[in-house]
Amino acid sequence: MITCRELAEALADYLGEDLDAGPRAEVEVHLGRCPPCADLVESYRITIRLSRRLPCLPLPPDLARRVETLLRERRG
């Protein structure tokens, strides 16, 4: 059985349906036995669902320039 820490590390893959059947089944067994982890997963599902409803607003011009500058610097 996986631990709570292992579940937390696999959470994005689990919610994104990127886990193979074996690890996915282990996560689901753990969730059935661990209410705190089940609550964590549900809160992530709710957060994802709500964040998808947010409008996609443009960055403020000053922030966009700073991000562009930073990306250029990191690319070399």
Protein backbone atom coordinates (compact mmCIF):
# COMPACT_ATOMS: atom_id res chain seq x y z
CA MET A 1 0.00 0.00 0.00
CA ILE A 2 1.25 3.48 -0.79
CA THR A 3 1.84 6.11 1.89
CA CYS A 4 0.21 9.52 2.19
CA ARG A 5 3.45 11.12 0.97
CA GLU A 6 3.54 8.87 -2.09
CA LEU A 7 -0.07 9.73 -2.84
CA ALA A 8 0.71 13.43 -2.61
CA GLU A 9 3.62 12.97 -5.01
CA ALA A 10 1.38 11.12 -7.50
CA LEU A 11 -1.57 13.49 -7.13
CA ALA A 12 -1.10 15.44 -10.36
CA ASP A 13 -0.65 12.25 -12.37
CA TYR A 14 -3.68 10.67 -10.69
CA LEU A 15 -5.94 13.63 -11.35
CA GLY A 16 -4.59 13.99 -14.88
CA GLU A 17 -5.30 10.30 -15.49
CA ASP A 18 -1.63 9.72 -16.32
CA LEU A 19 -1.12 6.76 -13.97
CA ASP A 20 -1.02 3.20 -15.24
CA ALA A 21 -3.66 0.80 -13.95
CA GLY A 22 -1.50 -0.67 -11.15
CA PRO A 23 -0.42 2.58 -9.48
CA ARG A 24 -3.90 4.04 -10.07
CA ALA A 25 -5.45 1.09 -8.22
CA GLU A 26 -3.00 1.59 -5.33
CA VAL A 27 -3.99 5.25 -5.07
CA GLU A 28 -7.68 4.33 -5.08
CA VAL A 29 -7.18 1.69 -2.36
CA HIS A 30 -5.32 4.27 -0.27
CA LEU A 31 -8.09 6.83 -0.81
CA GLY A 32 -10.65 4.30 0.37
CA ARG A 33 -8.73 3.81 3.61
CA CYS A 34 -7.47 7.32 4.30
CA PRO A 35 -10.12 10.03 4.73
CA PRO A 36 -7.56 12.90 4.95
CA CYS A 37 -6.08 11.93 1.57
CA ALA A 38 -9.56 11.51 0.08
CA ASP A 39 -10.38 15.03 1.30
CA LEU A 40 -7.14 16.32 -0.22
CA VAL A 41 -7.95 14.80 -3.61
CA GLU A 42 -11.49 16.18 -3.52
CA SER A 43 -10.23 19.67 -2.63
CA TYR A 44 -7.83 19.53 -5.59
CA ARG A 45 -10.67 18.45 -7.89
CA ILE A 46 -12.79 21.37 -6.70
CA THR A 47 -9.88 23.80 -7.10
CA ILE A 48 -9.26 22.61 -10.66
CA ARG A 49 -12.95 22.85 -11.55
CA LEU A 50 -13.29 26.35 -10.12
CA SER A 51 -10.06 27.66 -11.63
CA ARG A 52 -11.21 26.56 -15.08
CA ARG A 53 -14.15 28.95 -14.71
CA LEU A 54 -11.91 31.98 -14.20
CA PRO A 55 -11.59 34.40 -17.10
CA CYS A 56 -8.30 34.45 -18.96
CA LEU A 57 -7.18 38.05 -18.56
CA PRO A 58 -4.11 39.58 -20.22
CA LEU A 59 -1.07 40.31 -18.08
CA PRO A 60 -0.56 43.93 -17.10
CA PRO A 61 1.91 45.44 -19.63
CA ASP A 62 4.67 46.02 -17.06
CA LEU A 63 4.49 42.44 -15.83
CA ALA A 64 4.45 41.09 -19.40
CA ARG A 65 7.65 43.05 -20.19
CA ARG A 66 9.36 41.77 -17.05
CA VAL A 67 8.43 38.17 -17.84
CA GLU A 68 9.63 38.53 -21.44
CA THR A 69 12.93 40.01 -20.24
CA LEU A 70 13.42 37.20 -17.73
CA LEU A 71 12.70 34.53 -20.35
CA ARG A 72 15.14 36.12 -22.80
CA GLU A 73 17.84 36.22 -20.12
CA ARG A 74 17.31 32.57 -19.23
CA ARG A 75 17.47 31.45 -22.84
CA GLY A 76 20.86 33.13 -23.13
